Amino acid sequence: MKKVNILEDTKTRLKLEIRGETHTLCNALRKELWEDKDLIAAAYHLEHPMIGHPTFIVEHKKDAKKALHAAVARLIKKNEELKEKFKKLI
C-alpha cells in the first residue's frame, strides 16, 4: 500500500516521503513539475532502492501543493492518453 507522509508543508515548499514507490514515479513526477513556469525546485532522494523510501521536495513561487496536484493531474491525463493509443495498436 502506498502512503505519503508530509514532512514539511508551507505555502511554497513541500517535503514528502513516498512509501512504496521508486524512481519510476518520482522521475515522472519530477519531470512533470518542471513544466510549471513558477517552479523553483523539484527533486527527490532515494537512499537505497531496496529498503528506502523516496523523499520528494517541491518549491514553488506561489503554491507548492497546487503545483503538485496539477502535475499529478497532468500525469494521469497523459497516462490515459497513452493507454488509449496502446489499446488501438493491439
Protein backbone atom coordinates (compact mmCIF):
# COMPACT_ATOMS: atom_id res chain seq x y z
CA MET A 1 0.00 0.00 0.00
CA LYS A 2 1.28 3.44 -0.97
CA LYS A 3 1.49 6.08 1.74
CA VAL A 4 2.60 9.70 1.64
CA ASN A 5 4.00 11.25 4.80
CA ILE A 6 4.18 15.03 4.80
CA LEU A 7 7.48 16.04 6.37
CA GLU A 8 7.22 19.78 5.66
CA ASP A 9 4.25 21.81 4.43
CA THR A 10 4.39 25.55 3.83
CA LYS A 11 2.69 27.59 1.11
CA THR A 12 5.73 27.47 -1.18
CA ARG A 13 7.54 24.29 -0.06
CA LEU A 14 6.53 20.65 0.36
CA LYS A 15 8.68 17.79 1.54
CA LEU A 16 7.13 14.33 1.29
CA GLU A 17 8.13 10.77 1.97
CA ILE A 18 6.51 8.49 -0.60
CA ARG A 19 6.40 4.97 0.80
CA GLY A 20 6.14 2.08 -1.64
CA GLU A 21 7.45 3.99 -4.67
CA THR A 22 10.72 4.04 -6.56
CA HIS A 23 12.47 6.05 -9.24
CA THR A 24 9.72 5.31 -11.77
CA LEU A 25 7.04 7.53 -10.23
CA CYS A 26 9.46 10.06 -8.77
CA ASN A 27 11.22 10.72 -12.07
CA ALA A 28 7.93 11.13 -13.94
CA LEU A 29 6.57 13.47 -11.27
CA ARG A 30 9.77 15.49 -11.08
CA LYS A 31 9.86 15.92 -14.86
CA GLU A 32 6.19 16.94 -14.98
CA LEU A 33 6.66 19.50 -12.21
CA TRP A 34 9.46 21.15 -14.19
CA GLU A 35 6.87 22.03 -16.86
CA ASP A 36 5.47 24.64 -14.41
CA LYS A 37 6.99 28.08 -15.10
CA ASP A 38 6.66 29.09 -11.43
CA LEU A 39 8.56 26.09 -10.11
CA ILE A 40 11.73 26.82 -8.15
CA ALA A 41 12.79 23.23 -7.46
CA ALA A 42 11.53 19.67 -7.80
CA ALA A 43 13.80 16.86 -6.71
CA TYR A 44 13.87 13.62 -4.79
CA HIS A 45 16.34 11.47 -2.95
CA LEU A 46 16.19 7.71 -2.53
CA GLU A 47 18.79 6.42 -0.09
CA HIS A 48 18.55 2.78 -1.23
CA PRO A 49 16.06 1.42 -3.81
CA MET A 50 15.53 -1.88 -1.99
CA ILE A 51 14.92 -0.61 1.52
CA GLY A 52 14.49 3.16 1.31
CA HIS A 53 11.59 5.47 0.63
CA PRO A 54 11.94 8.48 -1.65
CA THR A 55 11.92 11.93 -0.10
CA PHE A 56 10.43 14.41 -2.57
CA ILE A 57 10.80 18.19 -2.39
CA VAL A 58 8.75 20.79 -4.27
CA GLU A 59 9.50 24.51 -4.07
CA HIS A 60 7.18 26.87 -5.92
CA LYS A 61 6.87 30.65 -6.28
CA LYS A 62 3.14 30.60 -5.48
CA ASP A 63 1.69 27.35 -4.12
CA ALA A 64 3.65 24.10 -3.90
CA LYS A 65 0.64 21.93 -3.07
CA LYS A 66 -1.40 23.22 -6.02
CA ALA A 67 1.58 22.73 -8.32
CA LEU A 68 1.95 19.14 -7.15
CA HIS A 69 -1.77 18.42 -7.62
CA ALA A 70 -1.68 19.94 -11.12
CA ALA A 71 1.37 17.87 -12.08
CA VAL A 72 -0.30 14.67 -10.85
CA ALA A 73 -3.45 15.52 -12.83
CA ARG A 74 -1.39 16.06 -15.99
CA LEU A 75 0.40 12.74 -15.48
CA ILE A 76 -2.90 10.94 -15.05
CA LYS A 77 -4.20 12.50 -18.27
CA LYS A 78 -1.05 11.58 -20.18
CA ASN A 79 -1.26 8.03 -18.85
CA GLU A 80 -4.87 7.70 -20.01
CA GLU A 81 -3.96 9.02 -23.48
CA LEU A 82 -1.09 6.53 -23.74
CA LYS A 83 -3.36 3.72 -22.58
CA GLU A 84 -5.92 4.55 -25.29
CA LYS A 85 -3.26 4.72 -28.01
CA PHE A 86 -1.86 1.38 -26.88
CA LYS A 87 -5.32 -0.22 -26.93
CA LYS A 88 -5.77 0.89 -30.55
CA LEU A 89 -2.49 -0.74 -31.53
CA ILE A 90 -3.37 -4.10 -30.02
